PDB file of N, CA and C in Angstrom:
ATOM      1  N   MET A   1       0.656  -1.538   0.033  1.00  0.00           N
ATOM      2  CA  MET A   1       0.003   0.185   0.019  1.00  0.00           C
ATOM      3  C   MET A   1       1.026   1.408   0.056  1.00  0.00           C
ATOM      4  N   ALA A   2       0.725   2.066  -0.675  1.00  0.00           N
ATOM      5  CA  ALA A   2       1.018   3.387  -0.787  1.00  0.00           C
ATOM      6  C   ALA A   2       0.895   4.277  -0.098  1.00  0.00           C
ATOM      7  N   THR A   3       1.235   5.375   0.449  1.00  0.00           N
ATOM      8  CA  THR A   3       0.383   6.114   1.784  1.00  0.00           C
ATOM      9  C   THR A   3       0.915   7.361   1.054  1.00  0.00           C
ATOM     10  N   ILE A   4      -0.386   8.461   1.126  1.00  0.00           N
ATOM     11  CA  ILE A   4      -0.401   9.737   0.910  1.00  0.00           C
ATOM     12  C   ILE A   4      -0.577  10.669   2.327  1.00  0.00           C
ATOM     13  N   THR A   5       0.245  11.481   2.563  1.00  0.00           N
ATOM     14  CA  THR A   5       0.058  12.320   3.607  1.00  0.00           C
ATOM     15  C   THR A   5       0.501  13.524   3.614  1.00  0.00           C
ATOM     16  N   PHE A   6      -0.419  14.674   4.305  1.00  0.00           N
ATOM     17  CA  PHE A   6      -0.643  15.939   4.049  1.00  0.00           C
ATOM     18  C   PHE A   6      -0.840  16.503   5.476  1.00  0.00           C
ATOM     19  N   LYS A   7      -0.330  17.706   6.004  1.00  0.00           N
ATOM     20  CA  LYS A   7      -0.553  18.526   7.166  1.00  0.00           C
ATOM     21  C   LYS A   7      -1.512  19.489   6.753  1.00  0.00           C
ATOM     22  N   GLY A   8      -2.124  19.712   8.040  1.00  0.00           N
ATOM     23  CA  GLY A   8      -3.094  20.962   7.402  1.00  0.00           C
ATOM     24  C   GLY A   8      -3.930  21.823   8.911  1.00  0.00           C
ATOM     25  N   LYS A   9      -4.152  23.048   9.133  1.00  0.00           N
ATOM     26  CA  LYS A   9      -4.787  23.399  10.117  1.00  0.00           C
ATOM     27  C   LYS A   9      -6.330  23.178  10.618  1.00  0.00           C
ATOM     28  N   LEU A  10      -6.243  22.958  11.365  1.00  0.00           N
ATOM     29  CA  LEU A  10      -8.057  22.541  11.977  1.00  0.00           C
ATOM     30  C   LEU A  10      -8.708  24.133  11.957  1.00  0.00           C
ATOM     31  N   GLU A  11      -9.588  24.161  11.184  1.00  0.00           N
ATOM     32  CA  GLU A  11     -10.429  25.250  10.737  1.00  0.00           C
ATOM     33  C   GLU A  11     -11.700  25.251  11.657  1.00  0.00           C
ATOM     34  N   THR A  12     -12.223  26.034  12.257  1.00  0.00           N
ATOM     35  CA  THR A  12     -13.915  26.371  12.750  1.00  0.00           C
ATOM     36  C   THR A  12     -14.388  27.565  11.983  1.00  0.00           C
ATOM     37  N   VAL A  13     -15.612  26.900  11.291  1.00  0.00           N
ATOM     38  CA  VAL A  13     -16.745  27.732  10.494  1.00  0.00           C
ATOM     39  C   VAL A  13     -17.854  27.939  11.430  1.00  0.00           C
ATOM     40  N   GLU A  14     -18.226  29.217  11.344  1.00  0.00           N
ATOM     41  CA  GLU A  14     -19.183  29.491  12.098  1.00  0.00           C
ATOM     42  C   GLU A  14     -20.529  29.851  11.221  1.00  0.00           C
ATOM     43  N   TYR A  15     -21.346  30.365  11.465  1.00  0.00           N
ATOM     44  CA  TYR A  15     -22.646  30.629  10.584  1.00  0.00           C
ATOM     45  C   TYR A  15     -22.444  32.802  11.108  1.00  0.00           C
ATOM     46  N   VAL A  16     -23.030  32.815  10.399  1.00  0.00           N
ATOM     47  CA  VAL A  16     -23.637  34.381  10.938  1.00  0.00           C
ATOM     48  C   VAL A  16     -24.026  34.766  12.350  1.00  0.00           C
ATOM     49  N   ASP A  17     -24.727  33.585  12.905  1.00  0.00           N
ATOM     50  CA  ASP A  17     -25.656  33.827  14.231  1.00  0.00           C
ATOM     51  C   ASP A  17     -24.206  33.043  15.231  1.00  0.00           C
ATOM     52  N   GLY A  18     -23.177  32.459  14.871  1.00  0.00           N
ATOM     53  CA  GLY A  18     -22.387  32.198  15.819  1.00  0.00           C
ATOM     54  C   GLY A  18     -22.185  30.984  16.110  1.00  0.00           C
ATOM     55  N   THR A  19     -23.703  30.127  15.595  1.00  0.00           N
ATOM     56  CA  THR A  19     -23.273  28.649  15.657  1.00  0.00           C
ATOM     57  C   THR A  19     -22.299  27.917  14.845  1.00  0.00           C
ATOM     58  N   LEU A  20     -21.887  26.736  15.025  1.00  0.00           N
ATOM     59  CA  LEU A  20     -21.089  26.448  14.355  1.00  0.00           C
ATOM     60  C   LEU A  20     -21.780  25.311  13.220  1.00  0.00           C
ATOM     61  N   ALA A  21     -20.628  25.785  11.907  1.00  0.00           N
ATOM     62  CA  ALA A  21     -21.054  25.461  10.724  1.00  0.00           C
ATOM     63  C   ALA A  21     -20.288  24.309  10.396  1.00  0.00           C
ATOM     64  N   TYR A  22     -19.239  24.157  10.653  1.00  0.00           N
ATOM     65  CA  TYR A  22     -18.440  22.500  10.671  1.00  0.00           C
ATOM     66  C   TYR A  22     -16.570  23.294  11.063  1.00  0.00           C
ATOM     67  N   THR A  23     -16.006  21.914  11.637  1.00  0.00           N
ATOM     68  CA  THR A  23     -14.470  22.081  11.465  1.00  0.00           C
ATOM     69  C   THR A  23     -13.995  21.194  10.800  1.00  0.00           C
ATOM     70  N   GLY A  24     -12.735  21.586   9.838  1.00  0.00           N
ATOM     71  CA  GLY A  24     -12.408  21.268   8.710  1.00  0.00           C
ATOM     72  C   GLY A  24     -10.865  21.586   8.829  1.00  0.00           C
ATOM     73  N   ILE A  25     -10.209  20.797   7.391  1.00  0.00           N
ATOM     74  CA  ILE A  25      -8.765  20.940   7.080  1.00  0.00           C
ATOM     75  C   ILE A  25      -8.825  21.263   5.398  1.00  0.00           C
ATOM     76  N   LYS A  26      -8.143  22.228   5.056  1.00  0.00           N
ATOM     77  CA  LYS A  26      -7.899  22.499   4.041  1.00  0.00           C
ATOM     78  C   LYS A  26      -7.302  21.232   3.207  1.00  0.00           C
ATOM     79  N   ILE A  27      -7.777  20.681   2.013  1.00  0.00           N
ATOM     80  CA  ILE A  27      -7.180  19.827   0.974  1.00  0.00           C
ATOM     81  C   ILE A  27      -6.433  20.437   0.182  1.00  0.00           C
ATOM     82  N   PRO A  28      -4.725  20.246   0.512  1.00  0.00           N
ATOM     83  CA  PRO A  28      -3.760  20.786  -0.594  1.00  0.00           C
ATOM     84  C   PRO A  28      -4.161  20.212  -2.078  1.00  0.00           C
ATOM     85  N   VAL A  29      -3.319  21.077  -2.757  1.00  0.00           N
ATOM     86  CA  VAL A  29      -2.864  20.074  -4.393  1.00  0.00           C
ATOM     87  C   VAL A  29      -2.106  18.873  -3.840  1.00  0.00           C
ATOM     88  N   LEU A  30      -2.216  17.746  -4.004  1.00  0.00           N
ATOM     89  CA  LEU A  30      -1.546  16.659  -3.940  1.00  0.00           C
ATOM     90  C   LEU A  30      -0.214  16.889  -4.822  1.00  0.00           C
ATOM     91  N   LYS A  31       0.488  16.526  -4.310  1.00  0.00           N
ATOM     92  CA  LYS A  31       2.185  16.262  -4.949  1.00  0.00           C
ATOM     93  C   LYS A  31       3.142  15.321  -4.507  1.00  0.00           C
ATOM     94  N   LYS A  32       4.227  15.071  -5.418  1.00  0.00           N
ATOM     95  CA  LYS A  32       5.259  14.288  -4.981  1.00  0.00           C
ATOM     96  C   LYS A  32       5.524  14.216  -3.706  1.00  0.00           C
ATOM     97  N   SER A  33       5.737  14.907  -3.107  1.00  0.00           N
ATOM     98  CA  SER A  33       5.972  15.017  -1.598  1.00  0.00           C
ATOM     99  C   SER A  33       5.459  15.317  -0.788  1.00  0.00           C
ATOM    100  N   HIS A  34       3.861  14.638  -0.776  1.00  0.00           N
ATOM    101  CA  HIS A  34       3.285  13.873   0.032  1.00  0.00           C
ATOM    102  C   HIS A  34       2.577  12.682  -0.035  1.00  0.00           C
ATOM    103  N   CYS A  35       3.577  11.788  -0.978  1.00  0.00           N
ATOM    104  CA  CYS A  35       3.673  10.795  -1.207  1.00  0.00           C
ATOM    105  C   CYS A  35       4.810  10.105  -0.815  1.00  0.00           C
ATOM    106  N   ASP A  36       4.533   8.708  -0.369  1.00  0.00           N
ATOM    107  CA  ASP A  36       5.528   7.968  -0.123  1.00  0.00           C
ATOM    108  C   ASP A  36       6.327   6.964  -1.329  1.00  0.00           C
ATOM    109  N   MET A  37       6.837   7.751  -2.004  1.00  0.00           N
ATOM    110  CA  MET A  37       7.418   7.796  -3.153  1.00  0.00           C
ATOM    111  C   MET A  37       8.010   6.250  -3.766  1.00  0.00           C
ATOM    112  N   GLN A  38       8.693   5.768  -2.917  1.00  0.00           N
ATOM    113  CA  GLN A  38       9.612   4.377  -2.473  1.00  0.00           C
ATOM    114  C   GLN A  38       8.264   3.094  -2.743  1.00  0.00           C
ATOM    115  N   ALA A  39       6.672   3.705  -2.330  1.00  0.00           N
ATOM    116  CA  ALA A  39       5.816   2.329  -2.181  1.00  0.00           C
ATOM    117  C   ALA A  39       5.118   2.936  -3.402  1.00  0.00           C
ATOM    118  N   PHE A  40       4.963   3.964  -4.189  1.00  0.00           N
ATOM    119  CA  PHE A  40       4.180   4.171  -5.085  1.00  0.00           C
ATOM    120  C   PHE A  40       4.762   3.725  -6.607  1.00  0.00           C
ATOM    121  N   ARG A  41       6.585   3.710  -6.802  1.00  0.00           N
ATOM    122  CA  ARG A  41       7.203   2.921  -7.722  1.00  0.00           C
ATOM    123  C   ARG A  41       7.057   1.389  -7.298  1.00  0.00           C
ATOM    124  N   ILE A  42       6.722   0.774  -6.612  1.00  0.00           N
ATOM    125  CA  ILE A  42       6.439  -0.856  -6.395  1.00  0.00           C
ATOM    126  C   ILE A  42       5.122  -1.140  -6.508  1.00  0.00           C
ATOM    127  N   HIS A  43       4.122  -0.204  -6.352  1.00  0.00           N
ATOM    128  CA  HIS A  43       2.549  -0.446  -6.345  1.00  0.00           C
ATOM    129  C   HIS A  43       2.249  -0.960  -7.794  1.00  0.00           C
ATOM    130  N   ALA A  44       1.470  -1.951  -7.805  1.00  0.00           N
ATOM    131  CA  ALA A  44       0.873  -2.294  -8.892  1.00  0.00           C
ATOM    132  C   ALA A  44       0.268  -1.584  -9.798  1.00  0.00           C
ATOM    133  N   LYS A  45      -0.841  -0.944  -9.369  1.00  0.00           N
ATOM    134  CA  LYS A  45      -1.685   0.031 -10.314  1.00  0.00           C
ATOM    135  C   LYS A  45      -0.700   1.412 -10.416  1.00  0.00           C
ATOM    136  N   TYR A  46      -0.179   2.026  -9.635  1.00  0.00           N
ATOM    137  CA  TYR A  46       0.879   3.473  -9.740  1.00  0.00           C
ATOM    138  C   TYR A  46       1.731   3.354 -10.110  1.00  0.00           C
ATOM    139  N   GLY A  47       2.423   2.281 -10.224  1.00  0.00           N
ATOM    140  CA  GLY A  47       4.214   2.118 -10.407  1.00  0.00           C
ATOM    141  C   GLY A  47       4.266   2.512 -11.450  1.00  0.00           C
ATOM    142  N   TYR A  48       3.995   2.822 -12.675  1.00  0.00           N
ATOM    143  CA  TYR A  48       4.340   2.603 -14.289  1.00  0.00           C
ATOM    144  C   TYR A  48       4.394   4.386 -14.305  1.00  0.00           C
ATOM    145  N   TYR A  49       3.232   5.486 -13.599  1.00  0.00           N
ATOM    146  CA  TYR A  49       3.320   6.459 -13.538  1.00  0.00           C
ATOM    147  C   TYR A  49       4.069   7.144 -12.568  1.00  0.00           C
ATOM    148  N   ALA A  50       4.408   6.660 -11.575  1.00  0.00           N
ATOM    149  CA  ALA A  50       5.335   7.240 -10.314  1.00  0.00           C
ATOM    150  C   ALA A  50       6.256   8.282 -10.729  1.00  0.00           C
ATOM    151  N   ASN A  51       7.181   7.521 -11.664  1.00  0.00           N
ATOM    152  CA  ASN A  51       8.406   8.548 -12.357  1.00  0.00           C
ATOM    153  C   ASN A  51       7.841   9.356 -13.645  1.00  0.00           C
ATOM    154  N   SER A  52       6.407   9.479 -14.120  1.00  0.00           N
ATOM    155  CA  SER A  52       6.433  10.044 -15.303  1.00  0.00           C
ATOM    156  C   SER A  52       5.621  11.582 -14.778  1.00  0.00           C
ATOM    157  N   ASP A  53       5.601  11.988 -15.988  1.00  0.00           N
ATOM    158  CA  ASP A  53       5.162  13.495 -15.719  1.00  0.00           C
ATOM    159  C   ASP A  53       3.735  13.376 -15.838  1.00  0.00           C
ATOM    160  N   LEU A  54       2.847  12.154 -15.556  1.00  0.00           N
ATOM    161  CA  LEU A  54       1.703  12.213 -15.890  1.00  0.00           C
ATOM    162  C   LEU A  54       0.745  11.941 -13.965  1.00  0.00           C
ATOM    163  N   PHE A  55       2.099  11.775 -13.473  1.00  0.00           N
ATOM    164  CA  PHE A  55       1.891  11.520 -12.057  1.00  0.00           C
ATOM    165  C   PHE A  55       0.923  12.543 -11.172  1.00  0.00           C
ATOM    166  N   PRO A  56       0.906  13.492 -11.456  1.00  0.00           N
ATOM    167  CA  PRO A  56       0.081  14.684 -10.899  1.00  0.00           C
ATOM    168  C   PRO A  56      -1.259  14.144 -11.460  1.00  0.00           C
ATOM    169  N   VAL A  57      -1.295  14.169 -12.419  1.00  0.00           N
ATOM    170  CA  VAL A  57      -2.956  14.245 -13.136  1.00  0.00           C
ATOM    171  C   VAL A  57      -3.076  12.740 -12.316  1.00  0.00           C
ATOM    172  N   ILE A  58      -2.519  11.693 -11.733  1.00  0.00           N
ATOM    173  CA  ILE A  58      -2.929  10.854 -11.066  1.00  0.00           C
ATOM    174  C   ILE A  58      -3.308  10.656  -9.789  1.00  0.00           C
ATOM    175  N   LEU A  59      -2.348  11.938  -9.205  1.00  0.00           N
ATOM    176  CA  LEU A  59      -2.885  12.436  -7.894  1.00  0.00           C
ATOM    177  C   LEU A  59      -4.364  12.879  -7.426  1.00  0.00           C
ATOM    178  N   LYS A  60      -4.135  13.967  -8.795  1.00  0.00           N
ATOM    179  CA  LYS A  60      -5.550  14.626  -9.020  1.00  0.00           C
ATOM    180  C   LYS A  60      -7.015  13.857  -8.916  1.00  0.00           C
ATOM    181  N   GLY A  61      -6.491  12.410  -9.423  1.00  0.00           N
ATOM    182  CA  GLY A  61      -7.800  11.395  -9.994  1.00  0.00           C
ATOM    183  C   GLY A  61      -7.783  10.756  -8.367  1.00  0.00           C
ATOM    184  N   ILE A  62      -6.961  10.418  -7.420  1.00  0.00           N
ATOM    185  CA  ILE A  62      -7.133   9.715  -6.256  1.00  0.00           C
ATOM    186  C   ILE A  62      -7.476  10.932  -5.472  1.00  0.00           C
ATOM    187  N   LYS A  63      -8.030  12.028  -5.663  1.00  0.00           N
ATOM    188  CA  LYS A  63      -7.897  12.922  -4.448  1.00  0.00           C
ATOM    189  C   LYS A  63      -9.310  13.135  -5.138  1.00  0.00           C
ATOM    190  N   LYS A  64      -9.731  13.143  -6.263  1.00  0.00           N
ATOM    191  CA  LYS A  64     -11.201  13.370  -6.459  1.00  0.00           C
ATOM    192  C   LYS A  64     -11.981  11.918  -5.999  1.00  0.00           C
ATOM    193  N   GLU A  65     -11.194  10.716  -6.111  1.00  0.00           N
ATOM    194  CA  GLU A  65     -11.739   9.583  -5.492  1.00  0.00           C
ATOM    195  C   GLU A  65     -11.928   9.174  -4.202  1.00  0.00           C
ATOM    196  N   ILE A  66     -10.837   9.922  -3.060  1.00  0.00           N
ATOM    197  CA  ILE A  66     -11.205   9.588  -1.683  1.00  0.00           C
ATOM    198  C   ILE A  66     -12.318  10.739  -1.169  1.00  0.00           C
ATOM    199  N   PHE A  67     -12.059  12.185  -2.175  1.00  0.00           N
ATOM    200  CA  PHE A  67     -12.831  13.336  -1.081  1.00  0.00           C
ATOM    201  C   PHE A  67     -13.736  13.945  -2.026  1.00  0.00           C
ATOM    202  N   GLY A  68     -14.078  13.457  -3.429  1.00  0.00           N
ATOM    203  CA  GLY A  68     -15.009  14.034  -4.003  1.00  0.00           C
ATOM    204  C   GLY A  68     -14.706  14.852  -4.397  1.00  0.00           C
ATOM    205  N   THR A  69     -15.263  15.803  -4.853  1.00  0.00           N
ATOM    206  CA  THR A  69     -14.876  17.566  -5.296  1.00  0.00           C
ATOM    207  C   THR A  69     -14.927  18.552  -4.156  1.00  0.00           C
ATOM    208  N   SER A  70     -14.618  18.132  -3.290  1.00  0.00           N
ATOM    209  CA  SER A  70     -14.449  19.259  -1.754  1.00  0.00           C
ATOM    210  C   SER A  70     -13.328  19.265  -1.777  1.00  0.00           C
ATOM    211  N   GLU A  71     -13.012  20.641  -1.438  1.00  0.00           N
ATOM    212  CA  GLU A  71     -11.890  21.355  -1.056  1.00  0.00           C
ATOM    213  C   GLU A  71     -11.565  21.102   0.628  1.00  0.00           C
ATOM    214  N   ILE A  72     -12.482  20.774   1.340  1.00  0.00           N
ATOM    215  CA  ILE A  72     -12.620  21.099   2.590  1.00  0.00           C
ATOM    216  C   ILE A  72     -12.427  19.448   3.191  1.00  0.00           C
ATOM    217  N   LEU A  73     -11.771  18.861   4.535  1.00  0.00           N
ATOM    218  CA  LEU A  73     -12.323  17.780   4.733  1.00  0.00           C
ATOM    219  C   LEU A  73     -12.668  17.989   6.270  1.00  0.00           C
ATOM    220  N   LYS A  74     -13.937  17.730   6.018  1.00  0.00           N
ATOM    221  CA  LYS A  74     -14.997  18.072   7.372  1.00  0.00           C
ATOM    222  C   LYS A  74     -14.714  17.272   8.127  1.00  0.00           C
ATOM    223  N   MET A  75     -14.155  17.188   9.689  1.00  0.00           N
ATOM    224  CA  MET A  75     -14.680  16.409  10.346  1.00  0.00           C
ATOM    225  C   MET A  75     -15.604  15.600  11.015  1.00  0.00           C
ATOM    226  N   GLU A  76     -16.927  15.973  10.430  1.00  0.00           N
ATOM    227  CA  GLU A  76     -18.101  15.421  10.852  1.00  0.00           C
ATOM    228  C   GLU A  76     -18.077  14.345  10.070  1.00  0.00           C
ATOM    229  N   SER A  77     -17.834  14.375   8.558  1.00  0.00           N
ATOM    230  CA  SER A  77     -17.681  13.088   7.435  1.00  0.00           C
ATOM    231  C   SER A  77     -16.165  13.073   7.169  1.00  0.00           C
ATOM    232  N   ILE A  78     -15.861  12.445   7.501  1.00  0.00           N
ATOM    233  CA  ILE A  78     -14.080  11.842   7.063  1.00  0.00           C
ATOM    234  C   ILE A  78     -14.290  10.403   6.579  1.00  0.00           C
ATOM    235  N   PRO A  79     -13.685  10.670   5.109  1.00  0.00           N
ATOM    236  CA  PRO A  79     -14.055   9.288   3.925  1.00  0.00           C
ATOM    237  C   PRO A  79     -13.516   7.953   4.516  1.00  0.00           C
ATOM    238  N   GLU A  80     -13.937   6.956   4.483  1.00  0.00           N
ATOM    239  CA  GLU A  80     -13.285   5.397   5.283  1.00  0.00           C
ATOM    240  C   GLU A  80     -12.279   5.428   4.527  1.00  0.00           C
ATOM    241  N   GLY A  81     -11.255   5.027   5.655  1.00  0.00           N
ATOM    242  CA  GLY A  81      -9.690   4.798   4.972  1.00  0.00           C
ATOM    243  C   GLY A  81      -9.159   5.791   5.367  1.00  0.00           C
ATOM    244  N   VAL A  82      -9.404   7.220   5.842  1.00  0.00           N
ATOM    245  CA  VAL A  82      -9.031   8.459   5.929  1.00  0.00           C
ATOM    246  C   VAL A  82      -8.168   8.658   7.732  1.00  0.00           C
ATOM    247  N   ARG A  83      -7.195   8.596   7.872  1.00  0.00           N
ATOM    248  CA  ARG A  83      -6.544   8.887   9.103  1.00  0.00           C
ATOM    249  C   ARG A  83      -6.413  10.252   9.401  1.00  0.00           C
ATOM    250  N   VAL A  84      -6.983  10.496  10.772  1.00  0.00           N
ATOM    251  CA  VAL A  84      -6.572  12.188  11.255  1.00  0.00           C
ATOM    252  C   VAL A  84      -5.754  11.839  12.243  1.00  0.00           C
ATOM    253  N   ASP A  85      -4.946  12.461  12.388  1.00  0.00           N
ATOM    254  CA  ASP A  85      -4.128  12.625  13.971  1.00  0.00           C
ATOM    255  C   ASP A  85      -4.358  14.268  14.270  1.00  0.00           C
ATOM    256  N   THR A  86      -4.907  14.711  15.464  1.00  0.00           N
ATOM    257  CA  THR A  86      -5.478  16.115  15.663  1.00  0.00           C
ATOM    258  C   THR A  86      -4.619  16.478  16.976  1.00  0.00           C
ATOM    259  N   SER A  87      -3.281  15.689  17.234  1.00  0.00           N
ATOM    260  CA  SER A  87      -2.538  15.876  18.354  1.00  0.00           C
ATOM    261  C   SER A  87      -2.016  17.147  18.614  1.00  0.00           C
ATOM    262  N   GLY A  88      -1.458  17.685  17.490  1.00  0.00           N
ATOM    263  CA  GLY A  88      -0.407  18.397  17.346  1.00  0.00           C
ATOM    264  C   GLY A  88      -0.964  19.633  16.672  1.00  0.00           C
ATOM    265  N   PHE A  89      -0.033  20.911  16.423  1.00  0.00           N
ATOM    266  CA  PHE A  89      -0.910  22.344  16.256  1.00  0.00           C
ATOM    267  C   PHE A  89      -1.515  22.013  14.928  1.00  0.00           C
ATOM    268  N   LEU A  90      -0.573  21.044  13.624  1.00  0.00           N
ATOM    269  CA  LEU A  90      -0.742  20.990  12.150  1.00  0.00           C
ATOM    270  C   LEU A  90      -1.663  19.579  12.640  1.00  0.00           C
ATOM    271  N   CYS A  91      -2.699  19.291  11.996  1.00  0.00           N
ATOM    272  CA  CYS A  91      -3.374  18.223  12.024  1.00  0.00           C
ATOM    273  C   CYS A  91      -2.975  17.055  10.801  1.00  0.00           C
ATOM    274  N   LYS A  92      -2.853  15.736  10.815  1.00  0.00           N
ATOM    275  CA  LYS A  92      -1.645  15.338  10.308  1.00  0.00           C
ATOM    276  C   LYS A  92      -3.285  13.570   9.699  1.00  0.00           C
ATOM    277  N   VAL A  93      -2.930  14.538   8.415  1.00  0.00           N
ATOM    278  CA  VAL A  93      -4.108  13.212   7.493  1.00  0.00           C
ATOM    279  C   VAL A  93      -3.060  12.518   6.372  1.00  0.00           C
ATOM    280  N   SER A  94      -3.572  11.596   6.652  1.00  0.00           N
ATOM    281  CA  SER A  94      -3.081  10.278   5.847  1.00  0.00           C
ATOM    282  C   SER A  94      -4.507   9.066   5.186  1.00  0.00           C
ATOM    283  N   PHE A  95      -3.937   8.729   4.466  1.00  0.00           N
ATOM    284  CA  PHE A  95      -4.503   7.422   3.741  1.00  0.00           C
ATOM    285  C   PHE A  95      -3.965   6.777   2.731  1.00  0.00           C
ATOM    286  N   ASP A  96      -4.214   5.625   2.608  1.00  0.00           N
ATOM    287  CA  ASP A  96      -3.790   4.225   1.710  1.00  0.00           C
ATOM    288  C   ASP A  96      -4.047   4.481   0.282  1.00  0.00           C
ATOM    289  N   VAL A  97      -3.940   3.704  -0.588  1.00  0.00           N
ATOM    290  CA  VAL A  97      -3.901   3.485  -2.098  1.00  0.00           C
ATOM    291  C   VAL A  97      -3.882   2.582  -2.410  1.00  0.00           C
TER     292      VAL A  97
END
């Protein structure tokens, strides 16, 4: 399994009247720096693309598959298989493909 990991600040969004809308983490554009490249190079599905110019497009597709079209990972609706560590100042989000 190849792992993708990124960090982000947990932000709270409120409605105009002050009630909580959601808490979430902004999902960045995924890059090679977010990936365990050694695992991607030997991955059965993505191994051929790990060192190619197509890899950013592959990462964009993985992001859409896991998170949909949302740019925010809402803590109330974390997708299955996504792990979130909120113990530090920045939250660590990781998932396997």
